[in-house]
Amino acid sequence: MEAILISASFVVTPVAGAPAEDQPCSPAPGNISAAMHHCAPTGSLPGLVRASVPLLIFNAEYDPAYFRRETARLASALQPGGGPRTRFIVLSGHNHMSQILAINTNDRALTSEIERFVRSTR
């Protein structure tokens, strides 16, 4: 078993004072107190750090800053034990949606990396 994360968010609890783009589940723009009651109190970061499965993590070159910061946060958390079972890849020339929309096209940047990763874990 392995996990593949593409431009993912690992923290779902809003943080008071964080930029609006870092409030992933706010029910109303700028309404941080309401968001605190509507969002899960934890994210997936702790579980990913403890995971024993190989991880392949993608960001697009032109992903919004929020997703790039989330990936940097995960990379930092995995530093001590990430090892060779965790790979981080930035897809050049892609944005948050184009990387997924390229699946089943001549642009195999994403699918080739996924195929290589899956084969390497078997």
PDB file of N, CA and C in Angstrom:
ATOM      1  N   MET A   1       0.850  -1.162   0.000  1.00  0.00           N
ATOM      2  CA  MET A   1       0.000   0.000   0.000  1.00  0.00           C
ATOM      3  C   MET A   1       0.902   1.234   0.000  1.00  0.00           C
ATOM      4  N   GLU A   2       0.457   2.275  -0.711  1.00  0.00           N
ATOM      5  CA  GLU A   2       1.149   3.546  -0.736  1.00  0.00           C
ATOM      6  C   GLU A   2       0.110   4.660  -0.792  1.00  0.00           C
ATOM      7  N   ALA A   3       0.559   5.894  -0.591  1.00  0.00           N
ATOM      8  CA  ALA A   3      -0.349   7.039  -0.659  1.00  0.00           C
ATOM      9  C   ALA A   3       0.237   8.076  -1.604  1.00  0.00           C
ATOM     10  N   ILE A   4      -0.633   8.653  -2.428  1.00  0.00           N
ATOM     11  CA  ILE A   4      -0.242   9.686  -3.375  1.00  0.00           C
ATOM     12  C   ILE A   4      -1.096  10.915  -3.079  1.00  0.00           C
ATOM     13  N   LEU A   5      -0.446  12.022  -2.783  1.00  0.00           N
ATOM     14  CA  LEU A   5      -1.135  13.268  -2.432  1.00  0.00           C
ATOM     15  C   LEU A   5      -0.797  14.314  -3.478  1.00  0.00           C
ATOM     16  N   ILE A   6      -1.815  14.921  -4.043  1.00  0.00           N
ATOM     17  CA  ILE A   6      -1.609  15.906  -5.108  1.00  0.00           C
ATOM     18  C   ILE A   6      -2.166  17.244  -4.649  1.00  0.00           C
ATOM     19  N   SER A   7      -1.271  18.210  -4.458  1.00  0.00           N
ATOM     20  CA  SER A   7      -1.651  19.563  -4.008  1.00  0.00           C
ATOM     21  C   SER A   7      -2.641  19.483  -2.862  1.00  0.00           C
ATOM     22  N   ALA A   8      -2.211  18.862  -1.801  1.00  0.00           N
ATOM     23  CA  ALA A   8      -3.100  18.576  -0.679  1.00  0.00           C
ATOM     24  C   ALA A   8      -3.000  19.616   0.430  1.00  0.00           C
ATOM     25  N   SER A   9      -4.007  19.606   1.270  1.00  0.00           N
ATOM     26  CA  SER A   9      -4.035  20.426   2.474  1.00  0.00           C
ATOM     27  C   SER A   9      -4.028  19.470   3.654  1.00  0.00           C
ATOM     28  N   PHE A  10      -3.181  19.730   4.620  1.00  0.00           N
ATOM     29  CA  PHE A  10      -3.021  18.812   5.739  1.00  0.00           C
ATOM     30  C   PHE A  10      -3.545  19.363   7.053  1.00  0.00           C
ATOM     31  N   VAL A  11      -3.931  20.629   7.070  1.00  0.00           N
ATOM     32  CA  VAL A  11      -4.448  21.269   8.274  1.00  0.00           C
ATOM     33  C   VAL A  11      -5.830  21.805   7.947  1.00  0.00           C
ATOM     34  N   VAL A  12      -6.838  21.398   8.697  1.00  0.00           N
ATOM     35  CA  VAL A  12      -8.193  21.849   8.401  1.00  0.00           C
ATOM     36  C   VAL A  12      -8.737  22.812   9.444  1.00  0.00           C
ATOM     37  N   THR A  13      -8.035  22.982  10.534  1.00  0.00           N
ATOM     38  CA  THR A  13      -8.493  23.901  11.562  1.00  0.00           C
ATOM     39  C   THR A  13      -7.988  25.300  11.260  1.00  0.00           C
ATOM     40  N   PRO A  14      -8.870  26.279  11.159  1.00  0.00           N
ATOM     41  CA  PRO A  14      -8.424  27.642  10.888  1.00  0.00           C
ATOM     42  C   PRO A  14      -7.586  28.189  12.040  1.00  0.00           C
ATOM     43  N   VAL A  15      -6.690  29.068  11.724  1.00  0.00           N
ATOM     44  CA  VAL A  15      -5.820  29.675  12.708  1.00  0.00           C
ATOM     45  C   VAL A  15      -6.138  31.162  12.763  1.00  0.00           C
ATOM     46  N   ALA A  16      -6.458  31.653  13.937  1.00  0.00           N
ATOM     47  CA  ALA A  16      -6.780  33.070  14.090  1.00  0.00           C
ATOM     48  C   ALA A  16      -5.610  33.918  13.607  1.00  0.00           C
ATOM     49  N   GLY A  17      -5.921  34.905  12.792  1.00  0.00           N
ATOM     50  CA  GLY A  17      -4.902  35.817  12.302  1.00  0.00           C
ATOM     51  C   GLY A  17      -4.187  35.352  11.052  1.00  0.00           C
ATOM     52  N   ALA A  18      -4.448  34.128  10.600  1.00  0.00           N
ATOM     53  CA  ALA A  18      -3.803  33.632   9.379  1.00  0.00           C
ATOM     54  C   ALA A  18      -4.442  34.315   8.170  1.00  0.00           C
ATOM     55  N   PRO A  19      -3.697  34.411   7.056  1.00  0.00           N
ATOM     56  CA  PRO A  19      -4.273  35.020   5.849  1.00  0.00           C
ATOM     57  C   PRO A  19      -5.542  34.269   5.418  1.00  0.00           C
ATOM     58  N   ALA A  20      -6.442  34.979   4.750  1.00  0.00           N
ATOM     59  CA  ALA A  20      -7.707  34.381   4.309  1.00  0.00           C
ATOM     60  C   ALA A  20      -7.472  33.131   3.470  1.00  0.00           C
ATOM     61  N   GLU A  21      -6.423  33.130   2.655  1.00  0.00           N
ATOM     62  CA  GLU A  21      -6.155  31.961   1.808  1.00  0.00           C
ATOM     63  C   GLU A  21      -5.752  30.741   2.627  1.00  0.00           C
ATOM     64  N   ASP A  22      -5.383  30.956   3.886  1.00  0.00           N
ATOM     65  CA  ASP A  22      -5.026  29.844   4.768  1.00  0.00           C
ATOM     66  C   ASP A  22      -6.189  29.418   5.656  1.00  0.00           C
ATOM     67  N   GLN A  23      -7.396  29.828   5.329  1.00  0.00           N
ATOM     68  CA  GLN A  23      -8.589  29.428   6.064  1.00  0.00           C
ATOM     69  C   GLN A  23      -9.384  28.490   5.166  1.00  0.00           C
ATOM     70  N   PRO A  24      -8.944  27.243   5.025  1.00  0.00           N
ATOM     71  CA  PRO A  24      -9.517  26.341   4.028  1.00  0.00           C
ATOM     72  C   PRO A  24     -10.968  25.960   4.227  1.00  0.00           C
ATOM     73  N   CYS A  25     -11.512  26.104   5.419  1.00  0.00           N
ATOM     74  CA  CYS A  25     -12.885  25.646   5.605  1.00  0.00           C
ATOM     75  C   CYS A  25     -13.765  26.697   6.243  1.00  0.00           C
ATOM     76  N   SER A  26     -13.406  27.938   6.107  1.00  0.00           N
ATOM     77  CA  SER A  26     -14.205  29.021   6.671  1.00  0.00           C
ATOM     78  C   SER A  26     -15.576  29.062   6.001  1.00  0.00           C
ATOM     79  N   PRO A  27     -16.679  29.014   6.774  1.00  0.00           N
ATOM     80  CA  PRO A  27     -18.004  29.022   6.171  1.00  0.00           C
ATOM     81  C   PRO A  27     -18.385  30.364   5.566  1.00  0.00           C
ATOM     82  N   ALA A  28     -17.762  31.445   6.010  1.00  0.00           N
ATOM     83  CA  ALA A  28     -18.027  32.773   5.448  1.00  0.00           C
ATOM     84  C   ALA A  28     -16.713  33.539   5.428  1.00  0.00           C
ATOM     85  N   PRO A  29     -16.411  34.203   4.333  1.00  0.00           N
ATOM     86  CA  PRO A  29     -15.144  34.939   4.260  1.00  0.00           C
ATOM     87  C   PRO A  29     -14.952  35.850   5.466  1.00  0.00           C
ATOM     88  N   GLY A  30     -13.800  35.713   6.099  1.00  0.00           N
ATOM     89  CA  GLY A  30     -13.459  36.568   7.222  1.00  0.00           C
ATOM     90  C   GLY A  30     -14.134  36.230   8.536  1.00  0.00           C
ATOM     91  N   ASN A  31     -14.925  35.186   8.587  1.00  0.00           N
ATOM     92  CA  ASN A  31     -15.655  34.848   9.805  1.00  0.00           C
ATOM     93  C   ASN A  31     -14.938  33.717  10.531  1.00  0.00           C
ATOM     94  N   ILE A  32     -13.789  34.033  11.114  1.00  0.00           N
ATOM     95  CA  ILE A  32     -12.938  33.008  11.731  1.00  0.00           C
ATOM     96  C   ILE A  32     -13.622  32.350  12.934  1.00  0.00           C
ATOM     97  N   SER A  33     -14.396  33.096  13.727  1.00  0.00           N
ATOM     98  CA  SER A  33     -15.011  32.477  14.899  1.00  0.00           C
ATOM     99  C   SER A  33     -16.034  31.422  14.491  1.00  0.00           C
ATOM    100  N   ALA A  34     -16.799  31.677  13.420  1.00  0.00           N
ATOM    101  CA  ALA A  34     -17.740  30.668  12.936  1.00  0.00           C
ATOM    102  C   ALA A  34     -16.997  29.476  12.365  1.00  0.00           C
ATOM    103  N   ALA A  35     -15.889  29.733  11.690  1.00  0.00           N
ATOM    104  CA  ALA A  35     -15.113  28.641  11.110  1.00  0.00           C
ATOM    105  C   ALA A  35     -14.573  27.713  12.185  1.00  0.00           C
ATOM    106  N   MET A  36     -14.178  28.262  13.315  1.00  0.00           N
ATOM    107  CA  MET A  36     -13.647  27.445  14.411  1.00  0.00           C
ATOM    108  C   MET A  36     -14.662  26.397  14.850  1.00  0.00           C
ATOM    109  N   HIS A  37     -15.951  26.702  14.743  1.00  0.00           N
ATOM    110  CA  HIS A  37     -16.997  25.770  15.175  1.00  0.00           C
ATOM    111  C   HIS A  37     -17.416  24.800  14.080  1.00  0.00           C
ATOM    112  N   HIS A  38     -17.066  25.074  12.834  1.00  0.00           N
ATOM    113  CA  HIS A  38     -17.501  24.243  11.721  1.00  0.00           C
ATOM    114  C   HIS A  38     -16.412  23.319  11.181  1.00  0.00           C
ATOM    115  N   CYS A  39     -15.189  23.513  11.594  1.00  0.00           N
ATOM    116  CA  CYS A  39     -14.076  22.729  11.050  1.00  0.00           C
ATOM    117  C   CYS A  39     -13.642  21.647  12.031  1.00  0.00           C
ATOM    118  N   ALA A  40     -13.109  20.589  11.476  1.00  0.00           N
ATOM    119  CA  ALA A  40     -12.576  19.518  12.326  1.00  0.00           C
ATOM    120  C   ALA A  40     -11.405  20.068  13.144  1.00  0.00           C
ATOM    121  N   PRO A  41     -11.234  19.628  14.381  1.00  0.00           N
ATOM    122  CA  PRO A  41     -10.189  20.176  15.234  1.00  0.00           C
ATOM    123  C   PRO A  41      -8.783  19.680  14.891  1.00  0.00           C
ATOM    124  N   THR A  42      -8.674  18.714  14.007  1.00  0.00           N
ATOM    125  CA  THR A  42      -7.344  18.215  13.661  1.00  0.00           C
ATOM    126  C   THR A  42      -7.224  18.071  12.163  1.00  0.00           C
ATOM    127  N   GLY A  43      -6.005  17.989  11.703  1.00  0.00           N
ATOM    128  CA  GLY A  43      -5.742  17.749  10.296  1.00  0.00           C
ATOM    129  C   GLY A  43      -5.094  16.391  10.131  1.00  0.00           C
ATOM    130  N   SER A  44      -4.600  16.137   8.956  1.00  0.00           N
ATOM    131  CA  SER A  44      -4.004  14.834   8.667  1.00  0.00           C
ATOM    132  C   SER A  44      -2.497  14.808   8.886  1.00  0.00           C
ATOM    133  N   LEU A  45      -1.887  15.944   9.193  1.00  0.00           N
ATOM    134  CA  LEU A  45      -0.435  16.004   9.352  1.00  0.00           C
ATOM    135  C   LEU A  45       0.106  14.992  10.368  1.00  0.00           C
ATOM    136  N   PRO A  46      -0.443  14.908  11.584  1.00  0.00           N
ATOM    137  CA  PRO A  46       0.096  13.933  12.541  1.00  0.00           C
ATOM    138  C   PRO A  46       0.036  12.486  12.031  1.00  0.00           C
ATOM    139  N   GLY A  47      -1.055  12.126  11.379  1.00  0.00           N
ATOM    140  CA  GLY A  47      -1.181  10.767  10.848  1.00  0.00           C
ATOM    141  C   GLY A  47      -0.203  10.495   9.724  1.00  0.00           C
ATOM    142  N   LEU A  48       0.024  11.493   8.872  1.00  0.00           N
ATOM    143  CA  LEU A  48       0.985  11.318   7.781  1.00  0.00           C
ATOM    144  C   LEU A  48       2.400  11.155   8.318  1.00  0.00           C
ATOM    145  N   VAL A  49       2.725  11.871   9.363  1.00  0.00           N
ATOM    146  CA  VAL A  49       4.062  11.761   9.962  1.00  0.00           C
ATOM    147  C   VAL A  49       4.265  10.366  10.543  1.00  0.00           C
ATOM    148  N   ARG A  50       3.213   9.789  11.112  1.00  0.00           N
ATOM    149  CA  ARG A  50       3.308   8.439  11.709  1.00  0.00           C
ATOM    150  C   ARG A  50       3.156   7.318  10.689  1.00  0.00           C
ATOM    151  N   ALA A  51       2.692   7.635   9.494  1.00  0.00           N
ATOM    152  CA  ALA A  51       2.394   6.603   8.494  1.00  0.00           C
ATOM    153  C   ALA A  51       3.635   5.799   8.133  1.00  0.00           C
ATOM    154  N   SER A  52       3.432   4.529   7.936  1.00  0.00           N
ATOM    155  CA  SER A  52       4.545   3.665   7.543  1.00  0.00           C
ATOM    156  C   SER A  52       4.494   3.334   6.050  1.00  0.00           C
ATOM    157  N   VAL A  53       3.495   3.869   5.355  1.00  0.00           N
ATOM    158  CA  VAL A  53       3.380   3.597   3.920  1.00  0.00           C
ATOM    159  C   VAL A  53       4.232   4.600   3.133  1.00  0.00           C
ATOM    160  N   PRO A  54       4.722   4.191   1.966  1.00  0.00           N
ATOM    161  CA  PRO A  54       5.444   5.132   1.105  1.00  0.00           C
ATOM    162  C   PRO A  54       4.517   6.268   0.670  1.00  0.00           C
ATOM    163  N   LEU A  55       5.046   7.485   0.650  1.00  0.00           N
ATOM    164  CA  LEU A  55       4.273   8.662   0.268  1.00  0.00           C
ATOM    165  C   LEU A  55       4.868   9.323  -0.966  1.00  0.00           C
ATOM    166  N   LEU A  56       4.017   9.667  -1.908  1.00  0.00           N
ATOM    167  CA  LEU A  56       4.401  10.459  -3.077  1.00  0.00           C
ATOM    168  C   LEU A  56       3.574  11.728  -3.011  1.00  0.00           C
ATOM    169  N   ILE A  57       4.242  12.869  -2.931  1.00  0.00           N
ATOM    170  CA  ILE A  57       3.555  14.133  -2.708  1.00  0.00           C
ATOM    171  C   ILE A  57       3.893  15.103  -3.828  1.00  0.00           C
ATOM    172  N   PHE A  58       2.845  15.591  -4.498  1.00  0.00           N
ATOM    173  CA  PHE A  58       2.999  16.509  -5.627  1.00  0.00           C
ATOM    174  C   PHE A  58       2.523  17.901  -5.266  1.00  0.00           C
ATOM    175  N   ASN A  59       3.164  18.875  -5.854  1.00  0.00           N
ATOM    176  CA  ASN A  59       2.657  20.242  -5.963  1.00  0.00           C
ATOM    177  C   ASN A  59       2.862  20.656  -7.406  1.00  0.00           C
ATOM    178  N   ALA A  60       2.030  21.570  -7.862  1.00  0.00           N
ATOM    179  CA  ALA A  60       2.224  22.160  -9.181  1.00  0.00           C
ATOM    180  C   ALA A  60       3.064  23.416  -9.021  1.00  0.00           C
ATOM    181  N   GLU A  61       3.844  23.727 -10.034  1.00  0.00           N
ATOM    182  CA  GLU A  61       4.685  24.924  -9.991  1.00  0.00           C
ATOM    183  C   GLU A  61       3.855  26.170  -9.672  1.00  0.00           C
ATOM    184  N   TYR A  62       2.655  26.239 -10.231  1.00  0.00           N
ATOM    185  CA  TYR A  62       1.811  27.417 -10.058  1.00  0.00           C
ATOM    186  C   TYR A  62       0.646  27.170  -9.102  1.00  0.00           C
ATOM    187  N   ASP A  63       0.818  26.239  -8.171  1.00  0.00           N
ATOM    188  CA  ASP A  63      -0.184  26.032  -7.122  1.00  0.00           C
ATOM    189  C   ASP A  63      -0.322  27.318  -6.312  1.00  0.00           C
ATOM    190  N   PRO A  64      -1.503  27.565  -5.762  1.00  0.00           N
ATOM    191  CA  PRO A  64      -1.627  28.695  -4.832  1.00  0.00           C
ATOM    192  C   PRO A  64      -0.646  28.523  -3.670  1.00  0.00           C
ATOM    193  N   ALA A  65      -0.209  29.629  -3.109  1.00  0.00           N
ATOM    194  CA  ALA A  65       0.783  29.614  -2.025  1.00  0.00           C
ATOM    195  C   ALA A  65       0.361  28.722  -0.864  1.00  0.00           C
ATOM    196  N   TYR A  66      -0.933  28.670  -0.589  1.00  0.00           N
ATOM    197  CA  TYR A  66      -1.424  27.856   0.524  1.00  0.00           C
ATOM    198  C   TYR A  66      -0.967  26.403   0.383  1.00  0.00           C
ATOM    199  N   PHE A  67      -1.126  25.814  -0.791  1.00  0.00           N
ATOM    200  CA  PHE A  67      -0.766  24.412  -0.991  1.00  0.00           C
ATOM    201  C   PHE A  67       0.741  24.206  -0.903  1.00  0.00           C
ATOM    202  N   ARG A  68       1.511  25.151  -1.411  1.00  0.00           N
ATOM    203  CA  ARG A  68       2.968  25.036  -1.306  1.00  0.00           C
ATOM    204  C   ARG A  68       3.417  25.113   0.145  1.00  0.00           C
ATOM    205  N   ARG A  69       2.775  25.981   0.931  1.00  0.00           N
ATOM    206  CA  ARG A  69       3.120  26.067   2.360  1.00  0.00           C
ATOM    207  C   ARG A  69       2.735  24.789   3.092  1.00  0.00           C
ATOM    208  N   GLU A  70       1.596  24.213   2.759  1.00  0.00           N
ATOM    209  CA  GLU A  70       1.178  22.968   3.401  1.00  0.00           C
ATOM    210  C   GLU A  70       2.191  21.849   3.123  1.00  0.00           C
ATOM    211  N   THR A  71       2.643  21.749   1.884  1.00  0.00           N
ATOM    212  CA  THR A  71       3.628  20.722   1.534  1.00  0.00           C
ATOM    213  C   THR A  71       4.946  20.971   2.248  1.00  0.00           C
ATOM    214  N   ALA A  72       5.371  22.225   2.347  1.00  0.00           N
ATOM    215  CA  ALA A  72       6.608  22.553   3.074  1.00  0.00           C
ATOM    216  C   ALA A  72       6.468  22.169   4.546  1.00  0.00           C
ATOM    217  N   ARG A  73       5.286  22.386   5.105  1.00  0.00           N
ATOM    218  CA  ARG A  73       5.026  22.016   6.505  1.00  0.00           C
ATOM    219  C   ARG A  73       5.145  20.504   6.675  1.00  0.00           C
ATOM    220  N   LEU A  74       4.581  19.739   5.755  1.00  0.00           N
ATOM    221  CA  LEU A  74       4.675  18.280   5.829  1.00  0.00           C
ATOM    222  C   LEU A  74       6.118  17.838   5.648  1.00  0.00           C
ATOM    223  N   ALA A  75       6.821  18.400   4.684  1.00  0.00           N
ATOM    224  CA  ALA A  75       8.230  18.029   4.454  1.00  0.00           C
ATOM    225  C   ALA A  75       9.059  18.280   5.705  1.00  0.00           C
ATOM    226  N   SER A  76       8.821  19.399   6.366  1.00  0.00           N
ATOM    227  CA  SER A  76       9.544  19.723   7.592  1.00  0.00           C
ATOM    228  C   SER A  76       9.222  18.722   8.693  1.00  0.00           C
ATOM    229  N   ALA A  77       7.957  18.360   8.822  1.00  0.00           N
ATOM    230  CA  ALA A  77       7.541  17.406   9.854  1.00  0.00           C
ATOM    231  C   ALA A  77       8.094  16.013   9.592  1.00  0.00           C
ATOM    232  N   LEU A  78       8.272  15.662   8.314  1.00  0.00           N
ATOM    233  CA  LEU A  78       8.772  14.328   7.957  1.00  0.00           C
ATOM    234  C   LEU A  78      10.289  14.245   7.978  1.00  0.00           C
ATOM    235  N   GLN A  79      10.963  15.356   8.052  1.00  0.00           N
ATOM    236  CA  GLN A  79      12.418  15.403   7.954  1.00  0.00           C
ATOM    237  C   GLN A  79      13.135  14.295   8.722  1.00  0.00           C
ATOM    238  N   PRO A  80      12.862  14.130  10.022  1.00  0.00           N
ATOM    239  CA  PRO A  80      13.611  13.120  10.770  1.00  0.00           C
ATOM    240  C   PRO A  80      13.422  11.690  10.270  1.00  0.00           C
ATOM    241  N   GLY A  81      12.207  11.339   9.820  1.00  0.00           N
ATOM    242  CA  GLY A  81      11.967   9.947   9.466  1.00  0.00           C
ATOM    243  C   GLY A  81      11.434   9.730   8.071  1.00  0.00           C
ATOM    244  N   GLY A  82      11.371  10.768   7.250  1.00  0.00           N
ATOM    245  CA  GLY A  82      10.789  10.649   5.913  1.00  0.00           C
ATOM    246  C   GLY A  82      11.501   9.630   5.051  1.00  0.00           C
ATOM    247  N   GLY A  83      12.817   9.699   5.043  1.00  0.00           N
ATOM    248  CA  GLY A  83      13.635   8.728   4.333  1.00  0.00           C
ATOM    249  C   GLY A  83      13.254   8.526   2.881  1.00  0.00           C
ATOM    250  N   PRO A  84      13.723   7.433   2.299  1.00  0.00           N
ATOM    251  CA  PRO A  84      13.512   7.164   0.882  1.00  0.00           C
ATOM    252  C   PRO A  84      12.073   6.754   0.548  1.00  0.00           C
ATOM    253  N   ARG A  85      11.251   6.542   1.548  1.00  0.00           N
ATOM    254  CA  ARG A  85       9.872   6.119   1.278  1.00  0.00           C
ATOM    255  C   ARG A  85       8.965   7.318   1.005  1.00  0.00           C
ATOM    256  N   THR A  86       9.512   8.526   1.084  1.00  0.00           N
ATOM    257  CA  THR A  86       8.731   9.733   0.823  1.00  0.00           C
ATOM    258  C   THR A  86       9.406  10.523  -0.287  1.00  0.00           C
ATOM    259  N   ARG A  87       8.618  10.864  -1.316  1.00  0.00           N
ATOM    260  CA  ARG A  87       9.129  11.669  -2.427  1.00  0.00           C
ATOM    261  C   ARG A  87       8.255  12.886  -2.611  1.00  0.00           C
ATOM    262  N   PHE A  88       8.888  14.036  -2.815  1.00  0.00           N
ATOM    263  CA  PHE A  88       8.200  15.286  -3.110  1.00  0.00           C
ATOM    264  C   PHE A  88       8.552  15.691  -4.527  1.00  0.00           C
ATOM    265  N   ILE A  89       7.542  16.029  -5.319  1.00  0.00           N
ATOM    266  CA  ILE A  89       7.762  16.409  -6.721  1.00  0.00           C
ATOM    267  C   ILE A  89       6.975  17.678  -7.016  1.00  0.00           C
ATOM    268  N   VAL A  90       7.630  18.614  -7.711  1.00  0.00           N
ATOM    269  CA  VAL A  90       6.952  19.811  -8.202  1.00  0.00           C
ATOM    270  C   VAL A  90       6.798  19.637  -9.709  1.00  0.00           C
ATOM    271  N   LEU A  91       5.559  19.712 -10.192  1.00  0.00           N
ATOM    272  CA  LEU A  91       5.292  19.562 -11.619  1.00  0.00           C
ATOM    273  C   LEU A  91       5.449  20.911 -12.318  1.00  0.00           C
ATOM    274  N   SER A  92       6.495  21.042 -13.093  1.00  0.00           N
ATOM    275  CA  SER A  92       6.786  22.285 -13.806  1.00  0.00           C
ATOM    276  C   SER A  92       5.693  22.605 -14.815  1.00  0.00           C
ATOM    277  N   GLY A  93       5.380  23.891 -14.907  1.00  0.00           N
ATOM    278  CA  GLY A  93       4.440  24.361 -15.909  1.00  0.00           C
ATOM    279  C   GLY A  93       2.980  24.070 -15.618  1.00  0.00           C
ATOM    280  N   HIS A  94       2.676  23.522 -14.449  1.00  0.00           N
ATOM    281  CA  HIS A  94       1.286  23.189 -14.117  1.00  0.00           C
ATOM    282  C   HIS A  94       0.762  24.081 -13.005  1.00  0.00           C
ATOM    283  N   ASN A  95      -0.587  24.202 -12.974  1.00  0.00           N
ATOM    284  CA  ASN A  95      -1.244  24.894 -11.871  1.00  0.00           C
ATOM    285  C   ASN A  95      -2.064  23.864 -11.098  1.00  0.00           C
ATOM    286  N   HIS A  96      -2.832  24.340 -10.142  1.00  0.00           N
ATOM    287  CA  HIS A  96      -3.559  23.451  -9.240  1.00  0.00           C
ATOM    288  C   HIS A  96      -4.490  22.482  -9.984  1.00  0.00           C
ATOM    289  N   MET A  97      -5.085  22.908 -11.070  1.00  0.00           N
ATOM    290  CA  MET A  97      -6.021  22.046 -11.804  1.00  0.00           C
ATOM    291  C   MET A  97      -5.383  21.365 -13.013  1.00  0.00           C
ATOM    292  N   SER A  98      -4.461  22.019 -13.682  1.00  0.00           N
ATOM    293  CA  SER A  98      -3.936  21.457 -14.930  1.00  0.00           C
ATOM    294  C   SER A  98      -3.207  20.139 -14.716  1.00  0.00           C
ATOM    295  N   GLN A  99      -2.608  19.946 -13.546  1.00  0.00           N
ATOM    296  CA  GLN A  99      -1.905  18.686 -13.299  1.00  0.00           C
ATOM    297  C   GLN A  99      -2.870  17.502 -13.338  1.00  0.00           C
ATOM    298  N   ILE A 100      -4.062  17.678 -12.804  1.00  0.00           N
ATOM    299  CA  ILE A 100      -5.064  16.610 -12.812  1.00  0.00           C
ATOM    300  C   ILE A 100      -5.705  16.484 -14.193  1.00  0.00           C
ATOM    301  N   LEU A 101      -5.980  17.620 -14.815  1.00  0.00           N
ATOM    302  CA  LEU A 101      -6.614  17.594 -16.137  1.00  0.00           C
ATOM    303  C   LEU A 101      -5.699  17.003 -17.204  1.00  0.00           C
ATOM    304  N   ALA A 102      -4.406  16.903 -16.925  1.00  0.00           N
ATOM    305  CA  ALA A 102      -3.470  16.333 -17.882  1.00  0.00           C
ATOM    306  C   ALA A 102      -3.509  14.803 -17.907  1.00  0.00           C
ATOM    307  N   ILE A 103      -4.151  14.198 -16.919  1.00  0.00           N
ATOM    308  CA  ILE A 103      -4.252  12.728 -16.895  1.00  0.00           C
ATOM    309  C   ILE A 103      -4.969  12.265 -18.158  1.00  0.00           C
ATOM    310  N   ASN A 104      -4.438  11.224 -18.771  1.00  0.00           N
ATOM    311  CA  ASN A 104      -4.973  10.631 -19.988  1.00  0.00           C
ATOM    312  C   ASN A 104      -4.809  11.554 -21.206  1.00  0.00           C
ATOM    313  N   THR A 105      -3.739  12.362 -21.175  1.00  0.00           N
ATOM    314  CA  THR A 105      -3.367  13.192 -22.327  1.00  0.00           C
ATOM    315  C   THR A 105      -1.922  12.860 -22.673  1.00  0.00           C
ATOM    316  N   ASN A 106      -1.368  13.569 -23.635  1.00  0.00           N
ATOM    317  CA  ASN A 106       0.038  13.375 -23.999  1.00  0.00           C
ATOM    318  C   ASN A 106       0.990  13.892 -22.925  1.00  0.00           C
ATOM    319  N   ASP A 107       0.523  14.744 -22.037  1.00  0.00           N
ATOM    320  CA  ASP A 107       1.341  15.251 -20.935  1.00  0.00           C
ATOM    321  C   ASP A 107       1.352  14.202 -19.831  1.00  0.00           C
ATOM    322  N   ARG A 108       2.446  13.484 -19.731  1.00  0.00           N
ATOM    323  CA  ARG A 108       2.533  12.377 -18.779  1.00  0.00           C
ATOM    324  C   ARG A 108       3.383  12.708 -17.562  1.00  0.00           C
ATOM    325  N   ALA A 109       3.599  13.997 -17.290  1.00  0.00           N
ATOM    326  CA  ALA A 109       4.435  14.379 -16.149  1.00  0.00           C
ATOM    327  C   ALA A 109       3.928  13.761 -14.846  1.00  0.00           C
ATOM    328  N   LEU A 110       2.659  13.879 -14.586  1.00  0.00           N
ATOM    329  CA  LEU A 110       2.074  13.335 -13.361  1.00  0.00           C
ATOM    330  C   LEU A 110       1.975  11.819 -13.422  1.00  0.00           C
ATOM    331  N   THR A 111       1.393  11.305 -14.481  1.00  0.00           N
ATOM    332  CA  THR A 111       1.138   9.859 -14.544  1.00  0.00           C
ATOM    333  C   THR A 111       2.424   9.041 -14.605  1.00  0.00           C
ATOM    334  N   SER A 112       3.458   9.554 -15.252  1.00  0.00           N
ATOM    335  CA  SER A 112       4.728   8.820 -15.295  1.00  0.00           C
ATOM    336  C   SER A 112       5.354   8.711 -13.912  1.00  0.00           C
ATOM    337  N   GLU A 113       5.276   9.797 -13.149  1.00  0.00           N
ATOM    338  CA  GLU A 113       5.820   9.765 -11.780  1.00  0.00           C
ATOM    339  C   GLU A 113       5.022   8.820 -10.893  1.00  0.00           C
ATOM    340  N   ILE A 114       3.712   8.827 -11.052  1.00  0.00           N
ATOM    341  CA  ILE A 114       2.880   7.908 -10.267  1.00  0.00           C
ATOM    342  C   ILE A 114       3.219   6.457 -10.621  1.00  0.00           C
ATOM    343  N   GLU A 115       3.314   6.173 -11.917  1.00  0.00           N
ATOM    344  CA  GLU A 115       3.646   4.815 -12.348  1.00  0.00           C
ATOM    345  C   GLU A 115       5.007   4.377 -11.801  1.00  0.00           C
ATOM    346  N   ARG A 116       5.991   5.243 -11.885  1.00  0.00           N
ATOM    347  CA  ARG A 116       7.346   4.928 -11.378  1.00  0.00           C
ATOM    348  C   ARG A 116       7.295   4.663  -9.875  1.00  0.00           C
ATOM    349  N   PHE A 117       6.557   5.476  -9.152  1.00  0.00           N
ATOM    350  CA  PHE A 117       6.443   5.326  -7.702  1.00  0.00           C
ATOM    351  C   PHE A 117       5.784   4.003  -7.328  1.00  0.00           C
ATOM    352  N   VAL A 118       4.668   3.699  -7.959  1.00  0.00           N
ATOM    353  CA  VAL A 118       3.942   2.456  -7.653  1.00  0.00           C
ATOM    354  C   VAL A 118       4.821   1.249  -7.960  1.00  0.00           C
ATOM    355  N   ARG A 119       5.506   1.269  -9.088  1.00  0.00           N
ATOM    356  CA  ARG A 119       6.400   0.148  -9.430  1.00  0.00           C
ATOM    357  C   ARG A 119       7.534  -0.002  -8.412  1.00  0.00           C
ATOM    358  N   SER A 120       8.040   1.123  -7.904  1.00  0.00           N
ATOM    359  CA  SER A 120       9.161   1.067  -6.970  1.00  0.00           C
ATOM    360  C   SER A 120       8.744   0.536  -5.594  1.00  0.00           C
ATOM    361  N   THR A 121       7.451   0.556  -5.302  1.00  0.00           N
ATOM    362  CA  THR A 121       6.997   0.094  -3.983  1.00  0.00           C
ATOM    363  C   THR A 121       6.524  -1.354  -4.014  1.00  0.00           C
ATOM    364  N   ARG A 122       6.568  -1.975  -5.174  1.00  0.00           N
ATOM    365  CA  ARG A 122       6.106  -3.368  -5.294  1.00  0.00           C
ATOM    366  C   ARG A 122       7.242  -4.334  -5.097  1.00  0.00           C
TER     367      ARG A 122
END
